[in-house]
Amino acid sequence: MSKLASHIGFLLLTLLSLLPFWLLYALSDLLFFLIYRIFKYRKTVVMENLHNSFPEKSSKELNIIARKFYHHFCDLLVESFKMKTISEKELAKRMVVSNPELVNQYFAEGQSVLVLTMHYNNWEWNSFLPYYLKHHCLLVYNPARNLTWDRFINRMRSRFGGELVSTKKIVKAVLNYKKKQQPTFTWLCSDQRPKANTRFWTTFLNQDAGFFPGAEALAKHTNFTVIYQHIEKVKRGYYQTHFEVLAERPAQLPADEVLHRYVSKIEGIIQEHPEFYLWSHKRWKHKRPTKNQQKQS
């Protein structure tokens, strides 16, 4: 993409973010009609993921979930770009943290925390968490291939005080802040698909699935309390999030226990309200490697 095309795109997205929410949701409804009815964006992927995850559900039930997912997905797109210009006051009404005191008590004790979540409901609005929290917030992300686009997105995500840190640099960043005795809140969306030769595999939604082992390794190394963050959709454009302790002293737990607890937690949430998960992602693309393949890697 040329620089001129990028700048034109960024200008259009900025103008889009200035629209009031009622108009953005009208646009979302139009977008839903186009990608669900006309272009059928990744519909094969979505239906395959749903069928494999919920083999007990009928085709009618799966189609209802898919339809709800696409509606929510379109809302998520317009809500994400609204982050460019939305005011702090407006976002505070729409993204509410019900129990910030659970996290802030660790700050009062001079302790850092690791926070795990997933691609569920509006994870992009998590960049607003520094508004509620006292820790220095490290928001972990995977850099985009297009550097110009990456800078645009990161400026939007860091508007409210969070520090964006790439997955390759997060360990160094966490250890540097630990050395300086500055308590940190390290946020990781840990349900993404890892490489095929990843070390940790388990059953997730009735299918073999690999998970990045980095979150567990970091928790073991630092012994920071691991917290799970759940995001609930209250109504269109309004979310509530709360925290709960997943592992108090991870260094003392058996190997992979943090990951097992995390997978169990997110699986239960998805099963209760599956329409809010990111079904268009090819989450189960890789197959569990054989023991020989793992040794060779």
Protein backbone atom coordinates (compact mmCIF):
# COMPACT_ATOMS: atom_id res chain seq x y z
CA MET A 1 0.00 0.00 0.00
CA SER A 2 1.42 3.39 -1.02
CA LYS A 3 1.89 6.14 1.53
CA LEU A 4 -0.70 8.30 -0.24
CA ALA A 5 -3.28 5.51 -0.15
CA SER A 6 -2.47 4.87 3.52
CA HIS A 7 -2.92 8.53 4.46
CA ILE A 8 -6.22 8.71 2.57
CA GLY A 9 -7.37 5.57 4.38
CA PHE A 10 -6.37 6.97 7.77
CA LEU A 11 -8.20 10.23 7.03
CA LEU A 12 -11.37 8.33 6.11
CA LEU A 13 -11.15 6.21 9.27
CA THR A 14 -10.66 9.35 11.39
CA LEU A 15 -13.72 10.95 9.79
CA LEU A 16 -15.62 7.71 10.39
CA SER A 17 -14.69 7.82 14.08
CA LEU A 18 -16.27 11.27 14.38
CA LEU A 19 -19.72 9.92 13.52
CA PRO A 20 -22.21 9.56 16.39
CA PHE A 21 -22.84 6.04 17.62
CA TRP A 22 -26.36 5.82 16.20
CA LEU A 23 -24.98 6.49 12.73
CA LEU A 24 -22.08 4.09 13.23
CA TYR A 25 -24.50 1.31 14.13
CA ALA A 26 -26.60 2.08 11.07
CA LEU A 27 -23.38 1.62 9.10
CA SER A 28 -22.73 -1.61 11.03
CA ASP A 29 -26.15 -2.94 10.00
CA LEU A 30 -25.36 -2.18 6.35
CA LEU A 31 -21.98 -3.84 6.73
CA PHE A 32 -23.64 -6.91 8.22
CA PHE A 33 -25.90 -7.22 5.18
CA LEU A 34 -22.93 -6.97 2.83
CA ILE A 35 -20.50 -9.37 4.50
CA TYR A 36 -23.08 -11.89 5.73
CA ARG A 37 -25.62 -11.93 2.92
CA ILE A 38 -23.68 -10.77 -0.14
CA PHE A 39 -19.96 -11.48 0.23
CA LYS A 40 -20.34 -14.21 2.90
CA TYR A 41 -17.01 -13.22 4.47
CA ARG A 42 -15.23 -16.32 5.80
CA LYS A 43 -18.58 -18.05 6.22
CA THR A 44 -17.05 -21.45 5.51
CA VAL A 45 -14.46 -20.88 8.27
CA VAL A 46 -17.09 -19.66 10.73
CA MET A 47 -19.46 -22.57 10.12
CA GLU A 48 -16.67 -25.15 10.28
CA ASN A 49 -15.41 -23.72 13.57
CA LEU A 50 -18.91 -23.70 15.04
CA HIS A 51 -19.75 -27.20 13.81
CA ASN A 52 -16.55 -28.67 15.27
CA SER A 53 -16.88 -26.75 18.54
CA PHE A 54 -20.54 -27.64 19.12
CA PRO A 55 -21.20 -31.02 17.47
CA GLU A 56 -24.27 -31.46 19.67
CA LYS A 57 -26.04 -28.42 18.17
CA SER A 58 -28.35 -28.58 15.16
CA SER A 59 -27.69 -26.72 11.90
CA LYS A 60 -30.45 -24.27 12.83
CA GLU A 61 -28.81 -23.50 16.17
CA LEU A 62 -25.39 -23.03 14.55
CA ASN A 63 -26.83 -20.68 11.93
CA ILE A 64 -28.41 -18.57 14.67
CA ILE A 65 -25.06 -18.32 16.46
CA ALA A 66 -23.32 -17.42 13.19
CA ARG A 67 -25.83 -14.68 12.41
CA LYS A 68 -25.41 -13.19 15.90
CA PHE A 69 -21.64 -13.43 15.56
CA TYR A 70 -21.61 -11.45 12.30
CA HIS A 71 -23.84 -8.76 13.82
CA HIS A 72 -21.47 -8.44 16.76
CA PHE A 73 -18.40 -8.58 14.51
CA CYS A 74 -19.65 -5.59 12.47
CA ASP A 75 -20.35 -3.66 15.67
CA LEU A 76 -16.82 -4.47 16.84
CA LEU A 77 -15.33 -3.03 13.64
CA VAL A 78 -17.04 0.35 13.95
CA GLU A 79 -16.48 0.47 17.72
CA SER A 80 -12.76 -0.18 17.24
CA PHE A 81 -12.28 2.81 14.95
CA LYS A 82 -14.35 5.00 17.26
CA MET A 83 -11.36 4.70 19.63
CA LYS A 84 -9.57 7.25 17.44
CA THR A 85 -11.63 10.21 18.67
CA ILE A 86 -13.98 9.05 21.44
CA SER A 87 -13.78 11.15 24.60
CA GLU A 88 -12.65 9.78 27.94
CA LYS A 89 -16.03 10.68 29.46
CA GLU A 90 -17.97 8.83 26.76
CA LEU A 91 -15.83 5.71 26.91
CA ALA A 92 -16.06 5.62 30.71
CA LYS A 93 -19.83 5.17 30.30
CA ARG A 94 -19.43 2.43 27.71
CA MET A 95 -16.52 0.40 29.10
CA VAL A 96 -17.02 -0.08 32.84
CA VAL A 97 -14.67 -2.03 35.11
CA SER A 98 -16.76 -3.46 37.94
CA ASN A 99 -13.91 -4.33 40.35
CA PRO A 100 -10.73 -2.31 39.69
CA GLU A 101 -9.96 -2.58 43.40
CA LEU A 102 -8.95 -6.23 42.95
CA VAL A 103 -6.06 -5.15 40.71
CA ASN A 104 -5.29 -1.91 42.51
CA GLN A 105 -4.76 -3.73 45.81
CA TYR A 106 -1.73 -5.41 44.26
CA PHE A 107 -0.37 -2.01 43.28
CA ALA A 108 -0.78 -0.84 46.88
CA GLU A 109 1.34 -3.84 47.90
CA GLY A 110 3.96 -3.00 45.26
CA GLN A 111 3.16 -6.12 43.21
CA SER A 112 2.87 -6.54 39.46
CA VAL A 113 0.21 -8.70 37.80
CA LEU A 114 -0.21 -10.64 34.57
CA VAL A 115 -3.68 -10.38 33.06
CA LEU A 116 -5.02 -12.90 30.55
CA THR A 117 -8.07 -12.44 28.36
CA MET A 118 -9.27 -13.57 24.92
CA HIS A 119 -10.74 -12.30 21.65
CA TYR A 120 -14.22 -12.04 23.08
CA ASN A 121 -16.67 -9.14 23.00
CA ASN A 122 -14.79 -5.83 22.54
CA TRP A 123 -11.18 -6.54 23.45
CA GLU A 124 -10.01 -3.40 21.61
CA TRP A 125 -11.59 -1.16 24.23
CA ASN A 126 -9.25 -2.71 26.80
CA SER A 127 -6.83 0.07 25.89
CA PHE A 128 -9.03 2.15 28.22
CA LEU A 129 -8.03 0.09 31.28
CA PRO A 130 -5.33 2.58 32.41
CA TYR A 131 -8.22 4.97 33.21
CA TYR A 132 -9.22 2.64 36.07
CA LEU A 133 -5.91 1.18 37.19
CA LYS A 134 -2.86 2.42 39.11
CA HIS A 135 -0.29 0.07 37.60
CA HIS A 136 1.74 0.99 34.56
CA CYS A 137 -0.18 -0.89 31.84
CA LEU A 138 1.73 -2.93 29.27
CA LEU A 139 -0.58 -3.97 26.43
CA VAL A 140 0.90 -6.85 24.44
CA TYR A 141 0.18 -7.00 20.71
CA ASN A 142 1.32 -8.64 17.48
CA PRO A 143 2.75 -5.98 15.12
CA ALA A 144 1.06 -5.56 11.75
CA ARG A 145 3.12 -6.23 8.63
CA ASN A 146 2.36 -2.74 7.34
CA LEU A 147 4.42 -0.44 9.57
CA THR A 148 2.41 2.66 8.66
CA TRP A 149 -0.82 0.92 9.62
CA ASP A 150 0.84 -0.43 12.76
CA ARG A 151 1.76 3.09 13.92
CA PHE A 152 -1.77 4.35 13.25
CA ILE A 153 -3.37 1.54 15.26
CA ASN A 154 -0.91 1.89 18.13
CA ARG A 155 -1.48 5.63 18.45
CA MET A 156 -5.18 4.88 18.74
CA ARG A 157 -4.66 2.11 21.30
CA SER A 158 -2.29 4.14 23.48
CA ARG A 159 -4.48 7.25 23.78
CA PHE A 160 -5.39 6.50 27.39
CA GLY A 161 -1.94 5.82 28.80
CA GLY A 162 -1.18 2.20 28.02
CA GLU A 163 2.23 1.22 26.65
CA LEU A 164 2.03 -0.99 23.56
CA VAL A 165 4.70 -3.71 23.63
CA SER A 166 5.19 -6.33 20.91
CA THR A 167 5.16 -10.01 21.78
CA LYS A 168 8.87 -10.28 21.03
CA LYS A 169 9.80 -7.49 23.46
CA ILE A 170 7.40 -8.06 26.35
CA VAL A 171 9.69 -10.25 28.48
CA LYS A 172 12.47 -7.67 28.38
CA ALA A 173 10.01 -4.86 29.16
CA VAL A 174 8.49 -6.70 32.14
CA LEU A 175 11.89 -7.55 33.61
CA ASN A 176 13.13 -3.98 33.14
CA TYR A 177 10.17 -2.57 35.06
CA LYS A 178 10.60 -5.26 37.71
CA LYS A 179 14.23 -4.23 38.12
CA LYS A 180 13.11 -0.62 38.60
CA GLN A 181 10.53 -1.85 41.15
CA GLN A 182 7.68 -0.28 39.17
CA PRO A 183 4.50 -2.40 39.42
CA THR A 184 3.13 -3.34 36.02
CA PHE A 185 -0.16 -4.66 34.66
CA THR A 186 0.79 -6.86 31.70
CA TRP A 187 -2.22 -7.56 29.47
CA LEU A 188 -2.15 -10.54 27.09
CA CYS A 189 -4.86 -11.80 24.72
CA SER A 190 -3.63 -15.38 24.90
CA ASP A 191 -6.03 -17.39 22.73
CA GLN A 192 -4.38 -16.75 19.35
CA ARG A 193 -3.18 -19.62 17.16
CA PRO A 194 0.53 -20.35 17.73
CA LYS A 195 2.91 -22.08 15.33
CA ALA A 196 2.22 -25.71 14.55
CA ASN A 197 5.20 -26.90 16.61
CA THR A 198 4.18 -25.13 19.80
CA ARG A 199 4.95 -27.07 22.97
CA PHE A 200 1.53 -26.87 24.68
CA TRP A 201 -1.47 -28.67 23.23
CA THR A 202 -4.82 -29.46 24.81
CA THR A 203 -8.48 -30.01 23.95
CA PHE A 204 -10.27 -26.72 23.43
CA LEU A 205 -13.94 -26.71 22.36
CA ASN A 206 -13.83 -30.38 21.35
CA GLN A 207 -10.72 -29.95 19.18
CA ASP A 208 -6.96 -30.24 19.53
CA ALA A 209 -5.58 -26.75 19.96
CA GLY A 210 -2.15 -25.31 20.61
CA PHE A 211 -1.57 -22.30 22.86
CA PHE A 212 1.36 -19.96 23.24
CA PRO A 213 3.34 -21.12 26.30
CA GLY A 214 4.84 -17.66 26.81
CA ALA A 215 2.23 -16.44 29.31
CA GLU A 216 2.84 -19.45 31.55
CA ALA A 217 6.62 -19.11 31.24
CA LEU A 218 6.49 -15.43 32.16
CA ALA A 219 4.20 -16.15 35.11
CA LYS A 220 6.52 -18.89 36.37
CA HIS A 221 9.63 -16.73 35.98
CA THR A 222 8.25 -13.63 37.72
CA ASN A 223 5.78 -15.33 40.09
CA PHE A 224 3.39 -12.43 39.42
CA THR A 225 -0.24 -13.12 40.30
CA VAL A 226 -2.18 -14.17 37.18
CA ILE A 227 -5.60 -12.59 36.75
CA TYR A 228 -8.32 -13.36 34.23
CA GLN A 229 -10.29 -10.51 32.70
CA HIS A 230 -13.82 -11.20 31.49
CA ILE A 231 -15.65 -8.79 29.17
CA GLU A 232 -19.45 -8.89 29.11
CA LYS A 233 -21.66 -7.15 26.56
CA VAL A 234 -24.40 -5.38 28.52
CA LYS A 235 -26.14 -4.03 25.41
CA ARG A 236 -25.13 -2.65 22.04
CA GLY A 237 -22.16 -0.33 22.55
CA TYR A 238 -21.89 -0.95 26.30
CA TYR A 239 -19.55 -3.39 28.03
CA GLN A 240 -18.65 -4.35 31.58
CA THR A 241 -15.45 -6.08 32.55
CA HIS A 242 -14.33 -7.69 35.77
CA PHE A 243 -11.21 -9.38 37.10
CA GLU A 244 -10.71 -12.62 38.99
CA VAL A 245 -7.57 -14.31 40.27
CA LEU A 246 -6.49 -17.28 38.17
CA ALA A 247 -3.25 -18.15 39.98
CA GLU A 248 -1.88 -16.46 43.10
CA ARG A 249 1.64 -17.97 43.11
CA PRO A 250 2.21 -19.49 39.67
CA ALA A 251 5.81 -20.47 40.37
CA GLN A 252 4.55 -23.01 42.90
CA LEU A 253 2.05 -24.65 40.56
CA PRO A 254 2.63 -27.79 38.45
CA ALA A 255 3.84 -27.32 34.89
CA ASP A 256 1.18 -25.92 32.53
CA GLU A 257 -1.35 -25.47 35.32
CA VAL A 258 -1.82 -21.76 34.51
CA LEU A 259 -2.56 -22.59 30.87
CA HIS A 260 -4.98 -25.36 31.83
CA ARG A 261 -6.87 -22.99 34.13
CA TYR A 262 -6.94 -20.34 31.42
CA VAL A 263 -8.27 -22.72 28.75
CA SER A 264 -10.92 -24.08 31.11
CA LYS A 265 -12.04 -20.54 31.96
CA ILE A 266 -12.38 -19.27 28.40
CA GLU A 267 -14.03 -22.49 27.21
CA GLY A 268 -16.78 -22.15 29.80
CA ILE A 269 -17.42 -18.51 28.87
CA ILE A 270 -17.56 -19.25 25.14
CA GLN A 271 -19.96 -22.16 25.64
CA GLU A 272 -22.33 -19.89 27.56
CA HIS A 273 -22.41 -17.10 24.95
CA PRO A 274 -20.64 -18.31 21.80
CA GLU A 275 -21.77 -15.45 19.54
CA PHE A 276 -19.21 -13.07 21.03
CA TYR A 277 -16.11 -15.15 20.19
CA LEU A 278 -13.97 -14.52 17.09
CA TRP A 279 -15.16 -17.42 14.93
CA SER A 280 -13.78 -15.97 11.68
CA HIS A 281 -10.24 -16.70 12.87
CA LYS A 282 -8.67 -19.97 11.64
CA ARG A 283 -8.01 -20.97 15.24
CA TRP A 284 -7.74 -24.72 14.61
CA LYS A 285 -5.76 -24.59 11.36
CA HIS A 286 -2.80 -26.56 12.73
CA LYS A 287 -2.95 -30.18 13.82
CA ARG A 288 -1.34 -31.57 16.95
CA PRO A 289 2.17 -32.72 15.97
CA THR A 290 3.38 -36.22 16.65
CA LYS A 291 6.01 -36.81 19.34
CA ASN A 292 8.67 -37.18 16.66
CA GLN A 293 7.71 -33.87 15.08
CA GLN A 294 7.90 -32.12 18.45
CA LYS A 295 11.36 -33.58 19.11
CA GLN A 296 12.59 -32.39 15.70
CA SER A 297 11.37 -28.84 16.37
